[in-house]
């Protein structure tokens, strides 16, 4: 655990030494603020946090590949992956440490987004279960997307390639329910299970369904596990 936390601390330092992280944060809050202003600060005022979730989750689709593309690919590009793979820390500790650093960054984004409900509360009373469960959904979905970005980063030493791969994989899980709608039948039901967007539907309504929470947690575990397996293969090549 100590090695994992040390890796997390190191990666967080790398995040905030990098201009890409600051650019990504600026992009996130500028775009989110613009859509919030356009949707809510013009009469008639609608005191509802759910549109905030839709806007921010869409921004995640673009911002998370930027924030995760360097996590492992930068080590591969610089050749420092050999030092990591032969260090006393296990690959699992390394990967989990890197993922936890991405999770902290994700938490900062979600925490900063609480500014928008705060502004909304000046115009009327917010539905508290909807508010907090919507933000839980936002965090869980973002955390799942971060795991995909981590996995994509392990596939290539080129950050841009990793970023594009992360975006492509996320786009598949984003649109998979729409694909199911075009097919119909049992295939539609099967594909809908894997939609990272539709799984947040009940949480956005203020309904806590543990099946949705477990889905996101399992999704995260699968992609973190795949990242570990990719690095294990690199170790033994």
C-alpha atoms as a PDB file:
ATOM      1  CA  UNK A   1       0.000   0.000   0.000  1.00  0.00           C
ATOM      2  CA  UNK A   2       2.875   2.371   0.836  1.00  0.00           C
ATOM      3  CA  UNK A   3       4.387   1.870  -2.631  1.00  0.00           C
ATOM      4  CA  UNK A   4       1.007   2.406  -4.282  1.00  0.00           C
ATOM      5  CA  UNK A   5       0.543   5.715  -2.427  1.00  0.00           C
ATOM      6  CA  UNK A   6       4.089   6.763  -3.332  1.00  0.00           C
ATOM      7  CA  UNK A   7       3.307   6.111  -7.002  1.00  0.00           C
ATOM      8  CA  UNK A   8       0.056   8.064  -6.648  1.00  0.00           C
ATOM      9  CA  UNK A   9       1.924  11.035  -5.161  1.00  0.00           C
ATOM     10  CA  UNK A  10       4.535  10.933  -7.935  1.00  0.00           C
ATOM     11  CA  UNK A  11       1.879  10.831 -10.650  1.00  0.00           C
ATOM     12  CA  UNK A  12      -0.057  13.700  -9.101  1.00  0.00           C
ATOM     13  CA  UNK A  13       3.105  15.789  -9.163  1.00  0.00           C
ATOM     14  CA  UNK A  14       3.561  14.893 -12.827  1.00  0.00           C
ATOM     15  CA  UNK A  15      -0.018  15.945 -13.541  1.00  0.00           C
ATOM     16  CA  UNK A  16       0.477  19.395 -12.136  1.00  0.00           C
ATOM     17  CA  UNK A  17       3.918  19.860 -13.674  1.00  0.00           C
ATOM     18  CA  UNK A  18       2.359  19.247 -17.081  1.00  0.00           C
ATOM     19  CA  UNK A  19       0.766  22.091 -19.081  1.00  0.00           C
ATOM     20  CA  UNK A  20      -1.632  19.541 -20.604  1.00  0.00           C
ATOM     21  CA  UNK A  21      -3.374  19.084 -17.250  1.00  0.00           C
ATOM     22  CA  UNK A  22      -3.882  22.833 -16.829  1.00  0.00           C
ATOM     23  CA  UNK A  23      -5.113  23.150 -20.407  1.00  0.00           C
ATOM     24  CA  UNK A  24      -7.532  20.247 -19.864  1.00  0.00           C
ATOM     25  CA  UNK A  25      -8.860  21.790 -16.643  1.00  0.00           C
ATOM     26  CA  UNK A  26      -9.271  25.171 -18.340  1.00  0.00           C
ATOM     27  CA  UNK A  27     -11.082  23.560 -21.283  1.00  0.00           C
ATOM     28  CA  UNK A  28     -13.350  21.623 -18.930  1.00  0.00           C
ATOM     29  CA  UNK A  29     -14.481  24.587 -16.834  1.00  0.00           C
ATOM     30  CA  UNK A  30     -14.746  27.026 -19.746  1.00  0.00           C
ATOM     31  CA  UNK A  31     -16.983  24.692 -21.772  1.00  0.00           C
ATOM     32  CA  UNK A  32     -18.996  23.531 -18.744  1.00  0.00           C
ATOM     33  CA  UNK A  33     -19.441  27.142 -17.627  1.00  0.00           C
ATOM     34  CA  UNK A  34     -20.535  28.228 -21.088  1.00  0.00           C
ATOM     35  CA  UNK A  35     -23.233  25.555 -21.371  1.00  0.00           C
ATOM     36  CA  UNK A  36     -24.354  26.162 -17.805  1.00  0.00           C
ATOM     37  CA  UNK A  37     -24.737  29.875 -18.512  1.00  0.00           C
ATOM     38  CA  UNK A  38     -26.569  29.229 -21.768  1.00  0.00           C
ATOM     39  CA  UNK A  39     -28.974  26.745 -20.196  1.00  0.00           C
ATOM     40  CA  UNK A  40     -29.649  28.123 -16.745  1.00  0.00           C
ATOM     41  CA  UNK A  41     -28.878  31.803 -16.427  1.00  0.00           C
ATOM     42  CA  UNK A  42     -31.423  32.922 -19.010  1.00  0.00           C
ATOM     43  CA  UNK A  43     -35.149  33.068 -18.088  1.00  0.00           C
ATOM     44  CA  UNK A  44     -37.102  30.973 -17.469  1.00  0.00           C
ATOM     45  CA  UNK A  45     -34.865  29.602 -14.716  1.00  0.00           C
ATOM     46  CA  UNK A  46     -35.062  25.807 -14.352  1.00  0.00           C
ATOM     47  CA  UNK A  47     -33.693  24.579 -11.027  1.00  0.00           C
ATOM     48  CA  UNK A  48     -32.631  21.076 -12.093  1.00  0.00           C
ATOM     49  CA  UNK A  49     -29.144  19.593 -11.803  1.00  0.00           C
ATOM     50  CA  UNK A  50     -29.698  16.775 -14.309  1.00  0.00           C
ATOM     51  CA  UNK A  51     -28.775  18.790 -17.418  1.00  0.00           C
ATOM     52  CA  UNK A  52     -25.451  19.559 -15.700  1.00  0.00           C
ATOM     53  CA  UNK A  53     -24.732  15.818 -15.675  1.00  0.00           C
ATOM     54  CA  UNK A  54     -25.441  15.546 -19.393  1.00  0.00           C
ATOM     55  CA  UNK A  55     -23.132  18.437 -20.239  1.00  0.00           C
ATOM     56  CA  UNK A  56     -20.243  17.354 -18.030  1.00  0.00           C
ATOM     57  CA  UNK A  57     -20.422  13.678 -19.005  1.00  0.00           C
ATOM     58  CA  UNK A  58     -20.180  14.747 -22.656  1.00  0.00           C
ATOM     59  CA  UNK A  59     -17.125  16.902 -21.899  1.00  0.00           C
ATOM     60  CA  UNK A  60     -15.560  13.893 -20.130  1.00  0.00           C
ATOM     61  CA  UNK A  61     -15.619  12.065 -23.448  1.00  0.00           C
ATOM     62  CA  UNK A  62     -13.010  14.505 -24.768  1.00  0.00           C
ATOM     63  CA  UNK A  63     -11.164  15.597 -21.645  1.00  0.00           C
ATOM     64  CA  UNK A  64     -10.427  12.212 -20.055  1.00  0.00           C
ATOM     65  CA  UNK A  65      -8.344  10.883 -22.989  1.00  0.00           C
ATOM     66  CA  UNK A  66      -6.211  14.038 -22.622  1.00  0.00           C
ATOM     67  CA  UNK A  67      -5.771  13.500 -18.893  1.00  0.00           C
ATOM     68  CA  UNK A  68      -4.899   9.799 -19.123  1.00  0.00           C
ATOM     69  CA  UNK A  69      -2.926   9.477 -22.359  1.00  0.00           C
ATOM     70  CA  UNK A  70       0.454  10.031 -20.670  1.00  0.00           C
ATOM     71  CA  UNK A  71      -0.053   7.788 -17.620  1.00  0.00           C
ATOM     72  CA  UNK A  72       1.807   4.756 -18.988  1.00  0.00           C
ATOM     73  CA  UNK A  73       2.682   5.735 -22.568  1.00  0.00           C
ATOM     74  CA  UNK A  74       5.065   8.409 -21.281  1.00  0.00           C
ATOM     75  CA  UNK A  75       7.018   5.734 -19.388  1.00  0.00           C
ATOM     76  CA  UNK A  76       7.147   3.617 -22.549  1.00  0.00           C
ATOM     77  CA  UNK A  77       8.293   6.580 -24.659  1.00  0.00           C
ATOM     78  CA  UNK A  78      11.086   7.605 -22.292  1.00  0.00           C
ATOM     79  CA  UNK A  79      12.213   4.042 -21.669  1.00  0.00           C
ATOM     80  CA  UNK A  80      11.625   4.394 -17.918  1.00  0.00           C
ATOM     81  CA  UNK A  81       9.149   1.509 -18.074  1.00  0.00           C
ATOM     82  CA  UNK A  82      12.081  -0.902 -17.720  1.00  0.00           C
ATOM     83  CA  UNK A  83      13.028   0.733 -14.416  1.00  0.00           C
ATOM     84  CA  UNK A  84       9.446   0.523 -13.224  1.00  0.00           C
ATOM     85  CA  UNK A  85       9.028  -3.103 -14.272  1.00  0.00           C
ATOM     86  CA  UNK A  86      12.203  -4.100 -12.420  1.00  0.00           C
ATOM     87  CA  UNK A  87      11.531  -1.952  -9.340  1.00  0.00           C
ATOM     88  CA  UNK A  88      10.580  -3.464  -5.953  1.00  0.00           C
ATOM     89  CA  UNK A  89       6.995  -2.328  -6.547  1.00  0.00           C
ATOM     90  CA  UNK A  90       4.789  -4.847  -8.306  1.00  0.00           C
ATOM     91  CA  UNK A  91       3.067  -4.025 -11.584  1.00  0.00           C
ATOM     92  CA  UNK A  92      -0.253  -4.075  -9.757  1.00  0.00           C
ATOM     93  CA  UNK A  93       1.008  -1.456  -7.284  1.00  0.00           C
ATOM     94  CA  UNK A  94       2.308   0.693 -10.144  1.00  0.00           C
ATOM     95  CA  UNK A  95      -0.888   0.522 -12.183  1.00  0.00           C
ATOM     96  CA  UNK A  96      -3.175   1.047  -9.192  1.00  0.00           C
ATOM     97  CA  UNK A  97      -1.045   3.997  -8.066  1.00  0.00           C
ATOM     98  CA  UNK A  98      -1.323   5.598 -11.492  1.00  0.00           C
ATOM     99  CA  UNK A  99      -5.051   4.976 -11.563  1.00  0.00           C
ATOM    100  CA  UNK A 100      -5.537   6.492  -8.106  1.00  0.00           C
ATOM    101  CA  UNK A 101      -3.774   9.659  -9.255  1.00  0.00           C
ATOM    102  CA  UNK A 102      -6.208   9.880 -12.193  1.00  0.00           C
ATOM    103  CA  UNK A 103      -9.057   9.319  -9.738  1.00  0.00           C
ATOM    104  CA  UNK A 104      -7.910  12.262  -7.597  1.00  0.00           C
ATOM    105  CA  UNK A 105      -7.881  14.471 -10.695  1.00  0.00           C
ATOM    106  CA  UNK A 106     -11.363  13.181 -11.544  1.00  0.00           C
ATOM    107  CA  UNK A 107     -12.519  14.047  -8.027  1.00  0.00           C
ATOM    108  CA  UNK A 108     -11.199  17.601  -8.459  1.00  0.00           C
ATOM    109  CA  UNK A 109     -13.218  17.997 -11.655  1.00  0.00           C
ATOM    110  CA  UNK A 110     -16.404  16.682 -10.062  1.00  0.00           C
ATOM    111  CA  UNK A 111     -15.826  18.714  -6.895  1.00  0.00           C
ATOM    112  CA  UNK A 112     -15.310  21.886  -8.914  1.00  0.00           C
ATOM    113  CA  UNK A 113     -18.566  21.196 -10.733  1.00  0.00           C
ATOM    114  CA  UNK A 114     -20.467  21.598  -7.450  1.00  0.00           C
ATOM    115  CA  UNK A 115     -20.226  25.321  -8.155  1.00  0.00           C
ATOM    116  CA  UNK A 116     -23.103  24.980 -10.628  1.00  0.00           C
ATOM    117  CA  UNK A 117     -25.656  23.510  -8.174  1.00  0.00           C
ATOM    118  CA  UNK A 118     -24.546  26.172  -5.689  1.00  0.00           C
ATOM    119  CA  UNK A 119     -25.522  28.849  -8.206  1.00  0.00           C
ATOM    120  CA  UNK A 120     -28.778  27.031  -8.963  1.00  0.00           C
ATOM    121  CA  UNK A 121     -29.669  26.952  -5.278  1.00  0.00           C
ATOM    122  CA  UNK A 122     -29.940  30.755  -5.380  1.00  0.00           C
ATOM    123  CA  UNK A 123     -32.946  30.416  -7.697  1.00  0.00           C
ATOM    124  CA  UNK A 124     -34.852  27.683  -5.890  1.00  0.00           C
ATOM    125  CA  UNK A 125     -34.729  24.564  -3.769  1.00  0.00           C
ATOM    126  CA  UNK A 126     -32.737  21.643  -5.146  1.00  0.00           C
ATOM    127  CA  UNK A 127     -33.877  18.034  -4.898  1.00  0.00           C
ATOM    128  CA  UNK A 128     -31.123  16.728  -2.614  1.00  0.00           C
ATOM    129  CA  UNK A 129     -31.289  12.988  -3.546  1.00  0.00           C
ATOM    130  CA  UNK A 130     -31.195  13.917  -7.244  1.00  0.00           C
ATOM    131  CA  UNK A 131     -28.302  16.312  -6.637  1.00  0.00           C
ATOM    132  CA  UNK A 132     -26.026  13.962  -4.736  1.00  0.00           C
ATOM    133  CA  UNK A 133     -26.846  10.803  -6.663  1.00  0.00           C
ATOM    134  CA  UNK A 134     -26.340  12.660  -9.963  1.00  0.00           C
ATOM    135  CA  UNK A 135     -22.895  13.713  -8.780  1.00  0.00           C
ATOM    136  CA  UNK A 136     -22.189  10.167  -7.594  1.00  0.00           C
ATOM    137  CA  UNK A 137     -23.140   8.976 -11.088  1.00  0.00           C
ATOM    138  CA  UNK A 138     -20.886  11.633 -12.594  1.00  0.00           C
ATOM    139  CA  UNK A 139     -17.956  10.499 -10.445  1.00  0.00           C
ATOM    140  CA  UNK A 140     -18.501   6.784 -11.098  1.00  0.00           C
ATOM    141  CA  UNK A 141     -18.843   7.294 -14.827  1.00  0.00           C
ATOM    142  CA  UNK A 142     -15.752   9.492 -14.917  1.00  0.00           C
ATOM    143  CA  UNK A 143     -13.833   6.934 -12.863  1.00  0.00           C
ATOM    144  CA  UNK A 144     -14.842   4.212 -15.341  1.00  0.00           C
ATOM    145  CA  UNK A 145     -13.711   6.400 -18.228  1.00  0.00           C
ATOM    146  CA  UNK A 146     -10.391   7.030 -16.458  1.00  0.00           C
ATOM    147  CA  UNK A 147      -9.849   3.257 -16.274  1.00  0.00           C
ATOM    148  CA  UNK A 148     -10.389   3.017 -20.039  1.00  0.00           C
ATOM    149  CA  UNK A 149      -7.907   5.862 -20.558  1.00  0.00           C
ATOM    150  CA  UNK A 150      -5.349   4.078 -18.364  1.00  0.00           C
ATOM    151  CA  UNK A 151      -5.746   0.902 -20.411  1.00  0.00           C
ATOM    152  CA  UNK A 152      -5.380   2.788 -23.706  1.00  0.00           C
ATOM    153  CA  UNK A 153      -2.229   4.449 -22.353  1.00  0.00           C
ATOM    154  CA  UNK A 154      -0.655   1.027 -21.807  1.00  0.00           C
ATOM    155  CA  UNK A 155      -1.090   0.087 -25.467  1.00  0.00           C
ATOM    156  CA  UNK A 156       1.302   2.549 -27.100  1.00  0.00           C
ATOM    157  CA  UNK A 157       4.375   4.661 -26.376  1.00  0.00           C
ATOM    158  CA  UNK A 158       2.822   7.535 -28.352  1.00  0.00           C
ATOM    159  CA  UNK A 159       0.589   9.711 -26.216  1.00  0.00           C
ATOM    160  CA  UNK A 160      -1.524  10.873 -29.148  1.00  0.00           C
ATOM    161  CA  UNK A 161      -2.179   7.288 -30.240  1.00  0.00           C
ATOM    162  CA  UNK A 162      -3.167   6.413 -26.656  1.00  0.00           C
ATOM    163  CA  UNK A 163      -5.492   9.422 -26.501  1.00  0.00           C
ATOM    164  CA  UNK A 164      -7.186   8.507 -29.780  1.00  0.00           C
ATOM    165  CA  UNK A 165      -7.528   4.865 -28.680  1.00  0.00           C
ATOM    166  CA  UNK A 166      -9.109   5.971 -25.389  1.00  0.00           C
ATOM    167  CA  UNK A 167     -11.545   8.234 -27.216  1.00  0.00           C
ATOM    168  CA  UNK A 168     -12.483   5.445 -29.649  1.00  0.00           C
ATOM    169  CA  UNK A 169     -13.121   2.907 -26.865  1.00  0.00           C
ATOM    170  CA  UNK A 170     -15.122   5.427 -24.840  1.00  0.00           C
ATOM    171  CA  UNK A 171     -17.147   6.360 -27.899  1.00  0.00           C
ATOM    172  CA  UNK A 172     -18.111   2.702 -28.347  1.00  0.00           C
ATOM    173  CA  UNK A 173     -19.382   2.434 -24.759  1.00  0.00           C
ATOM    174  CA  UNK A 174     -21.041   5.827 -25.129  1.00  0.00           C
ATOM    175  CA  UNK A 175     -23.003   4.938 -28.274  1.00  0.00           C
ATOM    176  CA  UNK A 176     -23.528   1.210 -27.700  1.00  0.00           C
ATOM    177  CA  UNK A 177     -27.115   1.710 -26.563  1.00  0.00           C
ATOM    178  CA  UNK A 178     -27.925   3.674 -29.728  1.00  0.00           C
ATOM    179  CA  UNK A 179     -26.468   0.805 -31.741  1.00  0.00           C
ATOM    180  CA  UNK A 180     -28.780  -1.537 -29.860  1.00  0.00           C
ATOM    181  CA  UNK A 181     -31.752   0.699 -30.699  1.00  0.00           C
ATOM    182  CA  UNK A 182     -30.983   0.304 -34.401  1.00  0.00           C
ATOM    183  CA  UNK A 183     -30.846  -3.497 -34.082  1.00  0.00           C
ATOM    184  CA  UNK A 184     -33.704  -4.092 -31.645  1.00  0.00           C
ATOM    185  CA  UNK A 185     -34.769  -7.285 -29.918  1.00  0.00           C
ATOM    186  CA  UNK A 186     -32.640  -9.124 -27.387  1.00  0.00           C
ATOM    187  CA  UNK A 187     -29.470  -7.678 -28.892  1.00  0.00           C
ATOM    188  CA  UNK A 188     -30.705  -4.227 -27.885  1.00  0.00           C
ATOM    189  CA  UNK A 189     -31.190  -5.378 -24.292  1.00  0.00           C
ATOM    190  CA  UNK A 190     -27.783  -7.063 -24.241  1.00  0.00           C
ATOM    191  CA  UNK A 191     -25.884  -4.059 -25.615  1.00  0.00           C
ATOM    192  CA  UNK A 192     -27.767  -1.656 -23.355  1.00  0.00           C
ATOM    193  CA  UNK A 193     -26.295  -3.396 -20.313  1.00  0.00           C
ATOM    194  CA  UNK A 194     -22.828  -2.095 -21.252  1.00  0.00           C
ATOM    195  CA  UNK A 195     -23.811   1.535 -21.831  1.00  0.00           C
ATOM    196  CA  UNK A 196     -21.899   3.809 -19.454  1.00  0.00           C
ATOM    197  CA  UNK A 197     -24.529   6.504 -20.008  1.00  0.00           C
ATOM    198  CA  UNK A 198     -27.778   4.585 -19.508  1.00  0.00           C
ATOM    199  CA  UNK A 199     -26.419   2.998 -16.326  1.00  0.00           C
ATOM    200  CA  UNK A 200     -26.489   6.465 -14.738  1.00  0.00           C
ATOM    201  CA  UNK A 201     -30.172   6.980 -15.552  1.00  0.00           C
ATOM    202  CA  UNK A 202     -31.650   5.824 -12.240  1.00  0.00           C
ATOM    203  CA  UNK A 203     -29.015   7.670 -10.198  1.00  0.00           C
ATOM    204  CA  UNK A 204     -29.898  10.873 -12.033  1.00  0.00           C
ATOM    205  CA  UNK A 205     -33.517  10.372 -10.979  1.00  0.00           C
ATOM    206  CA  UNK A 206     -32.485  10.112  -7.343  1.00  0.00           C
ATOM    207  CA  UNK A 207     -32.853   6.316  -7.233  1.00  0.00           C
ATOM    208  CA  UNK A 208     -29.906   4.412  -5.753  1.00  0.00           C
ATOM    209  CA  UNK A 209     -29.671   1.064  -7.544  1.00  0.00           C
ATOM    210  CA  UNK A 210     -26.647  -0.866  -6.300  1.00  0.00           C
ATOM    211  CA  UNK A 211     -26.607  -2.853  -9.555  1.00  0.00           C
ATOM    212  CA  UNK A 212     -25.548   0.345 -11.363  1.00  0.00           C
ATOM    213  CA  UNK A 213     -22.852   1.095  -8.780  1.00  0.00           C
ATOM    214  CA  UNK A 214     -21.534  -2.468  -9.049  1.00  0.00           C
ATOM    215  CA  UNK A 215     -21.517  -2.176 -12.847  1.00  0.00           C
ATOM    216  CA  UNK A 216     -19.214   0.849 -12.708  1.00  0.00           C
ATOM    217  CA  UNK A 217     -16.962  -0.771 -10.109  1.00  0.00           C
ATOM    218  CA  UNK A 218     -16.663  -3.953 -12.183  1.00  0.00           C
ATOM    219  CA  UNK A 219     -16.038  -1.882 -15.311  1.00  0.00           C
ATOM    220  CA  UNK A 220     -13.156  -0.149 -13.507  1.00  0.00           C
ATOM    221  CA  UNK A 221     -11.713  -3.427 -12.231  1.00  0.00           C
ATOM    222  CA  UNK A 222     -11.808  -4.998 -15.702  1.00  0.00           C
ATOM    223  CA  UNK A 223      -9.882  -2.187 -17.387  1.00  0.00           C
ATOM    224  CA  UNK A 224      -7.367  -1.825 -14.543  1.00  0.00           C
ATOM    225  CA  UNK A 225      -6.832  -5.592 -14.738  1.00  0.00           C
ATOM    226  CA  UNK A 226      -6.342  -5.382 -18.521  1.00  0.00           C
ATOM    227  CA  UNK A 227      -3.755  -2.619 -18.014  1.00  0.00           C
ATOM    228  CA  UNK A 228      -1.868  -4.834 -15.575  1.00  0.00           C
ATOM    229  CA  UNK A 229      -1.946  -7.734 -18.038  1.00  0.00           C
ATOM    230  CA  UNK A 230      -0.587  -5.575 -20.869  1.00  0.00           C
ATOM    231  CA  UNK A 231       2.366  -4.518 -18.710  1.00  0.00           C
ATOM    232  CA  UNK A 232       2.922  -8.084 -17.517  1.00  0.00           C
ATOM    233  CA  UNK A 233       3.265  -9.157 -21.152  1.00  0.00           C
ATOM    234  CA  UNK A 234       5.758  -6.358 -21.755  1.00  0.00           C
ATOM    235  CA  UNK A 235       7.776  -7.490 -18.751  1.00  0.00           C
ATOM    236  CA  UNK A 236       8.207 -11.030 -20.093  1.00  0.00           C
ATOM    237  CA  UNK A 237       8.881 -10.127 -23.706  1.00  0.00           C
END
